[in-house]
Amino acid sequence: MLTGVFASTVVNPAGFDGWLAGNPGQFMLQALGVIATYLYAGVGTYLILTVISKFTHLRVSAAEEEYGLDQSLHGEAAYVNTDLSSTAQAS
């Protein structure tokens, strides 16, 4: 977005001046581009996750999460000989 602030026709004669050069509209165009990109990415991600959720679960069950994904998915312990319950309660 700072292109819309610092742009200058002195540096790029084919371009536009930015906010500091007296053209705040260029900053607004940059902001609109950022907002449009966020909306596009958000809607696209939502649609992709909606389609994926029709074929598989997006999350593991609460029991699997509590037990530990290393055990439930891979069948092995990530932290051997470590009491994680005591460190979790201390923090």
C-alpha atoms as a PDB file:
ATOM      1  CA  MET A   1       0.000   0.000   0.000  1.00  0.00           C
ATOM      2  CA  LEU A   2       2.936   2.327   0.488  1.00  0.00           C
ATOM      3  CA  THR A   3       3.242   2.588  -3.281  1.00  0.00           C
ATOM      4  CA  GLY A   4       0.122   4.732  -3.061  1.00  0.00           C
ATOM      5  CA  VAL A   5       1.921   6.940  -0.526  1.00  0.00           C
ATOM      6  CA  PHE A   6       5.392   7.290  -2.047  1.00  0.00           C
ATOM      7  CA  ALA A   7       4.750   6.980  -5.817  1.00  0.00           C
ATOM      8  CA  SER A   8       6.201   9.805  -7.867  1.00  0.00           C
ATOM      9  CA  THR A   9       6.257  10.684 -11.547  1.00  0.00           C
ATOM     10  CA  VAL A  10       9.823  11.912 -10.982  1.00  0.00           C
ATOM     11  CA  VAL A  11      10.880   8.276 -10.537  1.00  0.00           C
ATOM     12  CA  ASN A  12       8.383   6.822 -13.043  1.00  0.00           C
ATOM     13  CA  PRO A  13       7.119   9.362 -15.587  1.00  0.00           C
ATOM     14  CA  ALA A  14       4.608   6.830 -16.958  1.00  0.00           C
ATOM     15  CA  GLY A  15       3.071   6.286 -13.492  1.00  0.00           C
ATOM     16  CA  PHE A  16       1.085   8.395 -11.078  1.00  0.00           C
ATOM     17  CA  ASP A  17       1.930  10.553  -8.105  1.00  0.00           C
ATOM     18  CA  GLY A  18       1.168   9.164  -4.655  1.00  0.00           C
ATOM     19  CA  TRP A  19      -0.276  10.736  -1.533  1.00  0.00           C
ATOM     20  CA  LEU A  20       2.899  12.620  -0.576  1.00  0.00           C
ATOM     21  CA  ALA A  21       3.063  14.098  -4.078  1.00  0.00           C
ATOM     22  CA  GLY A  22      -0.511  15.403  -3.820  1.00  0.00           C
ATOM     23  CA  ASN A  23      -2.589  12.475  -5.087  1.00  0.00           C
ATOM     24  CA  PRO A  24      -4.366  10.734  -2.172  1.00  0.00           C
ATOM     25  CA  GLY A  25      -6.578   8.912  -4.696  1.00  0.00           C
ATOM     26  CA  GLN A  26      -3.632   6.650  -5.567  1.00  0.00           C
ATOM     27  CA  PHE A  27      -3.480   5.468  -1.964  1.00  0.00           C
ATOM     28  CA  MET A  28      -7.213   4.738  -2.085  1.00  0.00           C
ATOM     29  CA  LEU A  29      -6.701   2.652  -5.237  1.00  0.00           C
ATOM     30  CA  GLN A  30      -3.956   0.671  -3.489  1.00  0.00           C
ATOM     31  CA  ALA A  31      -6.207   0.143  -0.450  1.00  0.00           C
ATOM     32  CA  LEU A  32      -9.045  -1.024  -2.700  1.00  0.00           C
ATOM     33  CA  GLY A  33      -6.671  -3.508  -4.333  1.00  0.00           C
ATOM     34  CA  VAL A  34      -5.661  -4.912  -0.935  1.00  0.00           C
ATOM     35  CA  ILE A  35      -9.290  -5.233   0.181  1.00  0.00           C
ATOM     36  CA  ALA A  36     -10.246  -6.952  -3.088  1.00  0.00           C
ATOM     37  CA  THR A  37      -7.350  -9.382  -2.678  1.00  0.00           C
ATOM     38  CA  TYR A  38      -8.396 -10.257   0.884  1.00  0.00           C
ATOM     39  CA  LEU A  39     -11.982 -10.826  -0.244  1.00  0.00           C
ATOM     40  CA  TYR A  40     -10.879 -12.977  -3.179  1.00  0.00           C
ATOM     41  CA  ALA A  41      -8.603 -15.090  -0.979  1.00  0.00           C
ATOM     42  CA  GLY A  42     -11.235 -15.405   1.760  1.00  0.00           C
ATOM     43  CA  VAL A  43     -14.074 -16.423  -0.549  1.00  0.00           C
ATOM     44  CA  GLY A  44     -11.803 -18.774  -2.501  1.00  0.00           C
ATOM     45  CA  THR A  45     -10.565 -20.450   0.679  1.00  0.00           C
ATOM     46  CA  TYR A  46     -14.124 -20.810   1.972  1.00  0.00           C
ATOM     47  CA  LEU A  47     -15.275 -22.435  -1.266  1.00  0.00           C
ATOM     48  CA  ILE A  48     -12.318 -24.816  -1.370  1.00  0.00           C
ATOM     49  CA  LEU A  49     -12.823 -25.858   2.263  1.00  0.00           C
ATOM     50  CA  THR A  50     -16.561 -26.323   1.658  1.00  0.00           C
ATOM     51  CA  VAL A  51     -15.872 -28.706  -1.235  1.00  0.00           C
ATOM     52  CA  ILE A  52     -13.188 -30.594   0.717  1.00  0.00           C
ATOM     53  CA  SER A  53     -15.500 -30.953   3.728  1.00  0.00           C
ATOM     54  CA  LYS A  54     -17.962 -32.869   1.522  1.00  0.00           C
ATOM     55  CA  PHE A  55     -15.359 -35.631   1.070  1.00  0.00           C
ATOM     56  CA  THR A  56     -13.418 -35.684   4.338  1.00  0.00           C
ATOM     57  CA  HIS A  57     -13.311 -34.169   7.804  1.00  0.00           C
ATOM     58  CA  LEU A  58     -11.462 -30.890   8.179  1.00  0.00           C
ATOM     59  CA  ARG A  59     -10.622 -31.557  11.836  1.00  0.00           C
ATOM     60  CA  VAL A  60      -9.764 -34.531  13.935  1.00  0.00           C
ATOM     61  CA  SER A  61     -12.082 -35.537  16.757  1.00  0.00           C
ATOM     62  CA  ALA A  62     -11.687 -34.008  20.206  1.00  0.00           C
ATOM     63  CA  ALA A  63     -10.624 -37.404  21.567  1.00  0.00           C
ATOM     64  CA  GLU A  64      -7.847 -37.732  18.964  1.00  0.00           C
ATOM     65  CA  GLU A  65      -6.718 -34.190  19.662  1.00  0.00           C
ATOM     66  CA  GLU A  66      -6.612 -34.837  23.397  1.00  0.00           C
ATOM     67  CA  TYR A  67      -4.782 -38.157  22.976  1.00  0.00           C
ATOM     68  CA  GLY A  68      -2.265 -36.562  20.635  1.00  0.00           C
ATOM     69  CA  LEU A  69      -2.077 -36.516  16.859  1.00  0.00           C
ATOM     70  CA  ASP A  70       1.342 -38.141  16.849  1.00  0.00           C
ATOM     71  CA  GLN A  71      -0.205 -41.207  18.506  1.00  0.00           C
ATOM     72  CA  SER A  72      -3.544 -41.274  16.695  1.00  0.00           C
ATOM     73  CA  LEU A  73      -2.251 -40.547  13.173  1.00  0.00           C
ATOM     74  CA  HIS A  74       1.272 -41.981  13.206  1.00  0.00           C
ATOM     75  CA  GLY A  75       1.237 -44.491  16.038  1.00  0.00           C
ATOM     76  CA  GLU A  76       4.338 -43.093  17.707  1.00  0.00           C
ATOM     77  CA  ALA A  77       5.149 -40.692  20.517  1.00  0.00           C
ATOM     78  CA  ALA A  78       6.792 -37.380  19.699  1.00  0.00           C
ATOM     79  CA  TYR A  79       7.943 -36.670  23.261  1.00  0.00           C
ATOM     80  CA  VAL A  80       9.236 -39.864  24.813  1.00  0.00           C
ATOM     81  CA  ASN A  81       9.953 -39.891  28.578  1.00  0.00           C
ATOM     82  CA  THR A  82       8.422 -36.437  29.042  1.00  0.00           C
ATOM     83  CA  ASP A  83       5.545 -35.611  31.360  1.00  0.00           C
ATOM     84  CA  LEU A  84       3.749 -32.922  29.358  1.00  0.00           C
ATOM     85  CA  SER A  85       0.855 -32.686  31.812  1.00  0.00           C
ATOM     86  CA  SER A  86       3.088 -31.164  34.505  1.00  0.00           C
ATOM     87  CA  THR A  87       4.554 -28.551  32.130  1.00  0.00           C
ATOM     88  CA  ALA A  88       1.125 -27.632  30.755  1.00  0.00           C
ATOM     89  CA  GLN A  89      -0.226 -26.982  34.257  1.00  0.00           C
ATOM     90  CA  ALA A  90       2.778 -24.871  35.220  1.00  0.00           C
ATOM     91  CA  SER A  91       2.252 -22.381  32.404  1.00  0.00           C
END
